[in-house]
C-alpha atoms as a PDB file:
ATOM      1  CA  MET A   1      71.885  94.379 110.795  1.00  0.00           C
ATOM      2  CA  ARG A   2      71.546  96.797 107.915  1.00  0.00           C
ATOM      3  CA  SER A   3      72.599 100.373 107.358  1.00  0.00           C
ATOM      4  CA  ARG A   4      72.916 102.835 104.532  1.00  0.00           C
ATOM      5  CA  SER A   5      76.509 103.620 105.384  1.00  0.00           C
ATOM      6  CA  LEU A   6      79.188 101.890 103.290  1.00  0.00           C
ATOM      7  CA  THR A   7      82.821 101.848 104.275  1.00  0.00           C
ATOM      8  CA  VAL A   8      85.380 100.559 101.812  1.00  0.00           C
ATOM      9  CA  LEU A   9      89.128 100.893 102.146  1.00  0.00           C
ATOM     10  CA  PRO A  10      90.476 103.479  99.680  1.00  0.00           C
ATOM     11  CA  LEU A  11      92.928 101.042  98.115  1.00  0.00           C
ATOM     12  CA  LEU A  12      90.194  98.445  97.645  1.00  0.00           C
ATOM     13  CA  ALA A  13      87.896 101.055  96.120  1.00  0.00           C
ATOM     14  CA  ALA A  14      90.597 102.011  93.626  1.00  0.00           C
ATOM     15  CA  ALA A  15      91.222  98.374  92.778  1.00  0.00           C
ATOM     16  CA  LEU A  16      87.521  97.769  92.251  1.00  0.00           C
ATOM     17  CA  ALA A  17      87.373 100.650  89.787  1.00  0.00           C
ATOM     18  CA  LEU A  18      90.119  99.009  87.738  1.00  0.00           C
ATOM     19  CA  THR A  19      88.903  95.405  87.931  1.00  0.00           C
ATOM     20  CA  GLY A  20      85.114  95.711  88.044  1.00  0.00           C
ATOM     21  CA  CYS A  21      84.602  94.308  84.519  1.00  0.00           C
ATOM     22  CA  ALA A  22      87.235  91.559  84.606  1.00  0.00           C
ATOM     23  CA  VAL A  23      86.856  88.067  86.054  1.00  0.00           C
ATOM     24  CA  ALA A  24      89.174  87.361  88.967  1.00  0.00           C
ATOM     25  CA  PRO A  25      92.030  84.964  88.231  1.00  0.00           C
ATOM     26  CA  GLY A  26      91.654  81.662  89.997  1.00  0.00           C
ATOM     27  CA  PRO A  27      92.719  78.026  89.975  1.00  0.00           C
ATOM     28  CA  ALA A  28      90.714  75.260  88.386  1.00  0.00           C
ATOM     29  CA  PRO A  29      88.089  73.655  90.642  1.00  0.00           C
ATOM     30  CA  GLY A  30      89.357  70.623  92.516  1.00  0.00           C
ATOM     31  CA  LYS A  31      88.816  68.275  95.428  1.00  0.00           C
ATOM     32  CA  PRO A  32      89.943  69.324  97.942  1.00  0.00           C
ATOM     33  CA  ALA A  33      89.117  72.885  96.990  1.00  0.00           C
ATOM     34  CA  PRO A  34      92.117  74.964  95.905  1.00  0.00           C
ATOM     35  CA  THR A  35      93.474  78.036  97.665  1.00  0.00           C
ATOM     36  CA  LEU A  36      92.048  81.276  96.266  1.00  0.00           C
ATOM     37  CA  PRO A  37      94.205  84.266  95.254  1.00  0.00           C
ATOM     38  CA  ALA A  38      94.144  86.999  97.886  1.00  0.00           C
ATOM     39  CA  ASP A  39      93.518  89.698  95.277  1.00  0.00           C
ATOM     40  CA  SER A  40      90.210  88.110  94.282  1.00  0.00           C
ATOM     41  CA  ILE A  41      88.476  90.564  96.603  1.00  0.00           C
ATOM     42  CA  ALA A  42      89.288  93.382  94.185  1.00  0.00           C
ATOM     43  CA  TYR A  43      87.139  91.859  91.422  1.00  0.00           C
ATOM     44  CA  ASP A  44      83.382  92.130  90.966  1.00  0.00           C
ATOM     45  CA  GLN A  45      83.236  88.940  88.876  1.00  0.00           C
ATOM     46  CA  LEU A  46      84.507  85.647  90.290  1.00  0.00           C
ATOM     47  CA  PRO A  47      85.148  82.216  88.735  1.00  0.00           C
ATOM     48  CA  THR A  48      82.407  80.522  90.721  1.00  0.00           C
ATOM     49  CA  VAL A  49      80.961  77.009  90.838  1.00  0.00           C
ATOM     50  CA  ILE A  50      77.207  76.659  91.457  1.00  0.00           C
ATOM     51  CA  THR A  51      76.629  72.931  90.982  1.00  0.00           C
ATOM     52  CA  ARG A  52      76.950  71.676  94.564  1.00  0.00           C
ATOM     53  CA  PRO A  53      73.983  71.067  96.857  1.00  0.00           C
ATOM     54  CA  ASN A  54      73.565  73.715  99.542  1.00  0.00           C
ATOM     55  CA  VAL A  55      75.879  73.083 102.503  1.00  0.00           C
ATOM     56  CA  PHE A  56      73.208  74.043 105.053  1.00  0.00           C
ATOM     57  CA  PRO A  57      70.206  71.661 104.868  1.00  0.00           C
ATOM     58  CA  ASP A  58      67.558  74.134 106.144  1.00  0.00           C
ATOM     59  CA  SER A  59      67.364  72.248 109.432  1.00  0.00           C
ATOM     60  CA  CYS A  60      69.324  71.803 112.672  1.00  0.00           C
ATOM     61  CA  THR A  61      70.266  68.188 111.958  1.00  0.00           C
ATOM     62  CA  GLN A  62      73.960  68.997 111.357  1.00  0.00           C
ATOM     63  CA  PHE A  63      74.217  70.345 114.894  1.00  0.00           C
ATOM     64  CA  GLU A  64      71.957  67.803 116.561  1.00  0.00           C
ATOM     65  CA  ARG A  65      74.103  64.956 115.206  1.00  0.00           C
ATOM     66  CA  ASN A  66      77.394  66.589 116.143  1.00  0.00           C
ATOM     67  CA  PRO A  67      77.674  67.519 119.851  1.00  0.00           C
ATOM     68  CA  ALA A  68      81.361  68.341 119.333  1.00  0.00           C
ATOM     69  CA  LEU A  69      80.405  71.034 116.811  1.00  0.00           C
ATOM     70  CA  LEU A  70      77.861  72.520 119.202  1.00  0.00           C
ATOM     71  CA  SER A  71      80.502  72.559 121.911  1.00  0.00           C
ATOM     72  CA  ALA A  72      82.986  74.276 119.596  1.00  0.00           C
ATOM     73  CA  LEU A  73      80.366  76.935 118.903  1.00  0.00           C
ATOM     74  CA  GLY A  74      79.849  77.516 122.623  1.00  0.00           C
ATOM     75  CA  ALA A  75      76.230  76.377 122.626  1.00  0.00           C
ATOM     76  CA  THR A  76      74.527  76.546 126.007  1.00  0.00           C
ATOM     77  CA  SER A  77      71.302  74.771 124.943  1.00  0.00           C
ATOM     78  CA  PRO A  78      70.062  72.568 122.101  1.00  0.00           C
ATOM     79  CA  PRO A  79      69.656  74.369 118.764  1.00  0.00           C
ATOM     80  CA  THR A  80      66.195  75.460 117.674  1.00  0.00           C
ATOM     81  CA  PHE A  81      64.856  75.640 114.130  1.00  0.00           C
ATOM     82  CA  ASP A  82      62.945  78.693 112.928  1.00  0.00           C
ATOM     83  CA  PRO A  83      60.653  77.447 110.130  1.00  0.00           C
ATOM     84  CA  ASN A  84      59.703  80.979 109.081  1.00  0.00           C
ATOM     85  CA  VAL A  85      63.199  81.797 107.839  1.00  0.00           C
ATOM     86  CA  LYS A  86      64.548  78.216 107.700  1.00  0.00           C
ATOM     87  CA  ALA A  87      67.335  79.047 110.121  1.00  0.00           C
ATOM     88  CA  CYS A  88      69.002  77.235 112.993  1.00  0.00           C
ATOM     89  CA  ASP A  89      69.368  79.332 116.152  1.00  0.00           C
ATOM     90  CA  ILE A  90      72.197  78.484 118.545  1.00  0.00           C
ATOM     91  CA  SER A  91      72.370  80.249 121.892  1.00  0.00           C
ATOM     92  CA  SER A  92      75.631  80.793 123.757  1.00  0.00           C
ATOM     93  CA  ALA A  93      76.747  82.736 126.790  1.00  0.00           C
ATOM     94  CA  ASP A  94      77.858  85.509 124.450  1.00  0.00           C
ATOM     95  CA  GLY A  95      74.731  85.819 122.316  1.00  0.00           C
ATOM     96  CA  LEU A  96      72.859  84.141 119.483  1.00  0.00           C
ATOM     97  CA  LEU A  97      74.271  82.529 116.330  1.00  0.00           C
ATOM     98  CA  VAL A  98      71.869  82.103 113.418  1.00  0.00           C
ATOM     99  CA  VAL A  99      72.836  79.816 110.514  1.00  0.00           C
ATOM    100  CA  HIS A 100      70.777  79.779 107.326  1.00  0.00           C
ATOM    101  CA  THR A 101      70.886  79.649 103.551  1.00  0.00           C
ATOM    102  CA  ASP A 102      70.946  82.975 101.745  1.00  0.00           C
ATOM    103  CA  ALA A 103      68.205  81.847  99.396  1.00  0.00           C
ATOM    104  CA  ALA A 104      67.230  83.173  95.998  1.00  0.00           C
ATOM    105  CA  ASP A 105      63.927  85.063  95.842  1.00  0.00           C
ATOM    106  CA  SER A 106      62.113  87.684  93.804  1.00  0.00           C
ATOM    107  CA  ARG A 107      64.545  90.366  94.998  1.00  0.00           C
ATOM    108  CA  GLN A 108      67.747  88.482  94.244  1.00  0.00           C
ATOM    109  CA  SER A 109      67.918  85.750  91.647  1.00  0.00           C
ATOM    110  CA  ASP A 110      71.653  85.345  92.301  1.00  0.00           C
ATOM    111  CA  PRO A 111      72.089  85.710  96.072  1.00  0.00           C
ATOM    112  CA  TRP A 112      75.857  85.248  96.034  1.00  0.00           C
ATOM    113  CA  GLN A 113      76.503  87.945  93.441  1.00  0.00           C
ATOM    114  CA  SER A 114      74.112  90.241  95.328  1.00  0.00           C
ATOM    115  CA  ALA A 115      76.083  89.647  98.522  1.00  0.00           C
ATOM    116  CA  TRP A 116      79.470  90.127  96.820  1.00  0.00           C
ATOM    117  CA  MET A 117      78.262  93.431  95.350  1.00  0.00           C
ATOM    118  CA  SER A 118      76.645  94.538  98.635  1.00  0.00           C
ATOM    119  CA  GLU A 119      73.195  94.535  97.045  1.00  0.00           C
ATOM    120  CA  SER A 120      71.552  92.309  99.655  1.00  0.00           C
ATOM    121  CA  GLY A 121      71.532  94.756 102.567  1.00  0.00           C
ATOM    122  CA  LEU A 122      75.082  94.060 103.715  1.00  0.00           C
ATOM    123  CA  SER A 123      76.442  97.572 103.812  1.00  0.00           C
ATOM    124  CA  SER A 124      77.595  98.508 107.332  1.00  0.00           C
ATOM    125  CA  HIS A 125      81.385  98.158 107.399  1.00  0.00           C
ATOM    126  CA  PHE A 126      81.081  95.846 104.387  1.00  0.00           C
ATOM    127  CA  ARG A 127      84.165  93.783 103.592  1.00  0.00           C
ATOM    128  CA  ARG A 128      85.071  91.154 101.026  1.00  0.00           C
ATOM    129  CA  GLU A 129      87.487  88.463 102.140  1.00  0.00           C
ATOM    130  CA  ILE A 130      88.849  84.963 101.628  1.00  0.00           C
ATOM    131  CA  LEU A 131      87.785  82.687 104.486  1.00  0.00           C
ATOM    132  CA  LEU A 132      90.076  79.803 105.436  1.00  0.00           C
ATOM    133  CA  GLY A 133      91.983  80.454 102.230  1.00  0.00           C
ATOM    134  CA  ARG A 134      89.342  78.603 100.160  1.00  0.00           C
ATOM    135  CA  TYR A 135      86.000  80.396 100.437  1.00  0.00           C
ATOM    136  CA  TYR A 136      84.921  83.724  98.987  1.00  0.00           C
ATOM    137  CA  ALA A 137      83.059  85.573 101.758  1.00  0.00           C
ATOM    138  CA  VAL A 138      81.658  88.949 102.790  1.00  0.00           C
ATOM    139  CA  THR A 139      81.109  90.449 106.236  1.00  0.00           C
ATOM    140  CA  SER A 140      79.037  93.310 107.551  1.00  0.00           C
ATOM    141  CA  ALA A 141      78.522  94.751 111.020  1.00  0.00           C
ATOM    142  CA  GLY A 142      75.261  95.520 112.779  1.00  0.00           C
ATOM    143  CA  ILE A 143      74.834  97.566 115.940  1.00  0.00           C
ATOM    144  CA  ASN A 144      75.363  94.499 118.150  1.00  0.00           C
ATOM    145  CA  GLY A 145      76.623  91.753 115.879  1.00  0.00           C
ATOM    146  CA  CYS A 146      78.168  90.623 112.624  1.00  0.00           C
ATOM    147  CA  SER A 147      76.955  88.931 109.436  1.00  0.00           C
ATOM    148  CA  LEU A 148      79.032  86.601 107.275  1.00  0.00           C
ATOM    149  CA  ILE A 149      77.979  85.116 103.917  1.00  0.00           C
ATOM    150  CA  VAL A 150      80.116  82.346 102.449  1.00  0.00           C
ATOM    151  CA  ASN A 151      80.255  80.991  98.908  1.00  0.00           C
ATOM    152  CA  THR A 152      80.481  77.195  99.158  1.00  0.00           C
ATOM    153  CA  GLY A 153      80.232  76.373  95.450  1.00  0.00           C
ATOM    154  CA  SER A 154      76.432  76.224  95.615  1.00  0.00           C
ATOM    155  CA  ALA A 155      73.884  78.456  93.910  1.00  0.00           C
ATOM    156  CA  GLU A 156      72.815  79.654  97.364  1.00  0.00           C
ATOM    157  CA  PRO A 157      75.521  80.571  99.914  1.00  0.00           C
ATOM    158  CA  VAL A 158      75.452  79.814 103.619  1.00  0.00           C
ATOM    159  CA  ALA A 159      74.996  82.749 105.998  1.00  0.00           C
ATOM    160  CA  PHE A 160      75.954  83.286 109.630  1.00  0.00           C
ATOM    161  CA  ASP A 161      74.596  86.080 111.828  1.00  0.00           C
ATOM    162  CA  THR A 162      75.399  86.893 115.449  1.00  0.00           C
ATOM    163  CA  PHE A 163      73.321  88.989 117.822  1.00  0.00           C
ATOM    164  CA  HIS A 164      74.668  90.115 121.186  1.00  0.00           C
ATOM    165  CA  GLN A 165      73.033  91.630 124.242  1.00  0.00           C
ATOM    166  CA  GLY A 166      73.901  95.151 125.343  1.00  0.00           C
ATOM    167  CA  GLY A 167      76.331  97.499 123.718  1.00  0.00           C
ATOM    168  CA  ALA A 168      75.946 101.085 122.706  1.00  0.00           C
ATOM    169  CA  ASP A 169      73.378 102.013 120.059  1.00  0.00           C
ATOM    170  CA  ASP A 170      75.997 103.684 117.867  1.00  0.00           C
ATOM    171  CA  SER A 171      75.178 103.670 114.163  1.00  0.00           C
ATOM    172  CA  SER A 172      78.056 105.937 113.199  1.00  0.00           C
ATOM    173  CA  ILE A 173      80.823 104.756 110.884  1.00  0.00           C
ATOM    174  CA  ASP A 174      83.172 104.455 113.861  1.00  0.00           C
ATOM    175  CA  GLY A 175      80.486 102.605 115.798  1.00  0.00           C
ATOM    176  CA  TYR A 176      80.109  99.979 113.101  1.00  0.00           C
ATOM    177  CA  ARG A 177      83.886  99.710 112.812  1.00  0.00           C
ATOM    178  CA  ARG A 178      84.169  98.976 116.526  1.00  0.00           C
ATOM    179  CA  THR A 179      81.351  96.441 116.277  1.00  0.00           C
ATOM    180  CA  ALA A 180      83.059  94.712 113.351  1.00  0.00           C
ATOM    181  CA  GLU A 181      86.361  94.560 115.200  1.00  0.00           C
ATOM    182  CA  LYS A 182      84.644  93.057 118.247  1.00  0.00           C
ATOM    183  CA  TYR A 183      82.173  90.594 116.749  1.00  0.00           C
ATOM    184  CA  CYS A 184      83.350  89.602 113.259  1.00  0.00           C
ATOM    185  CA  PRO A 185      86.561  87.755 114.275  1.00  0.00           C
ATOM    186  CA  PRO A 186      84.661  85.389 116.629  1.00  0.00           C
ATOM    187  CA  LEU A 187      82.046  84.818 113.923  1.00  0.00           C
ATOM    188  CA  ARG A 188      84.749  83.897 111.407  1.00  0.00           C
ATOM    189  CA  LYS A 189      86.072  81.368 113.900  1.00  0.00           C
ATOM    190  CA  MET A 190      82.593  79.860 114.403  1.00  0.00           C
ATOM    191  CA  ALA A 191      82.029  79.679 110.653  1.00  0.00           C
ATOM    192  CA  GLY A 192      85.406  77.955 110.328  1.00  0.00           C
ATOM    193  CA  GLU A 193      84.405  75.373 112.941  1.00  0.00           C
ATOM    194  CA  TYR A 194      81.138  74.746 111.107  1.00  0.00           C
ATOM    195  CA  LEU A 195      82.706  74.401 107.660  1.00  0.00           C
ATOM    196  CA  ALA A 196      85.464  72.123 108.939  1.00  0.00           C
ATOM    197  CA  ALA A 197      82.809  69.838 110.403  1.00  0.00           C
ATOM    198  CA  VAL A 198      80.247  69.745 107.578  1.00  0.00           C
ATOM    199  CA  ASP A 199      82.307  70.609 104.486  1.00  0.00           C
ATOM    200  CA  PRO A 200      85.777  68.991 104.816  1.00  0.00           C
ATOM    201  CA  GLY A 201      87.916  69.749 101.806  1.00  0.00           C
ATOM    202  CA  GLY A 202      85.328  72.233 100.625  1.00  0.00           C
ATOM    203  CA  GLY A 203      85.624  75.710  99.247  1.00  0.00           C
ATOM    204  CA  SER A 204      84.193  78.035  96.624  1.00  0.00           C
ATOM    205  CA  LEU A 205      85.940  76.205  93.776  1.00  0.00           C
ATOM    206  CA  VAL A 206      85.418  72.640  94.943  1.00  0.00           C
ATOM    207  CA  ARG A 207      84.678  70.076  92.250  1.00  0.00           C
END
């Protein structure tokens, strides 16, 4: 789900040029997590918290213990764990949802900052956003799916990827835009269901 093409809204690009060196304004960390300013997406530096344990436990236990969550995600079969990438795969009638930790490695010592700056391969129709009002997040479109990385106040963010059958093999800018418009909104909803279930009161600036 990677491409060399990068699409950024002109107004956002201008804002980034002005705010790239400053730290985004933000509320003090709290519990529950506070609402984040909408203009945070214009800043390259964020007031982050990295002291929490990872939200995703590198297993499928969160889903296996919560049938209601699986149902909300539209699962059509039990989740399966991929030990090679430490991801949980959830099949639905519409495609495949993969949940995993965006882990630090030799290529990216700070995976969240790499994601926020589009240095981790997220480049096709790349967007910064505030998810659920409380989480810094980024999205990117692939040919037949969407990727979403969410800052949960941990050193390593949680990532969601969807893969869908069929669809045109269109790697143009307009093709990725159409893919993002089709697949990213449902992925945001699934990520919201997951975070509501496993991280109540959470957010990027949770204490």
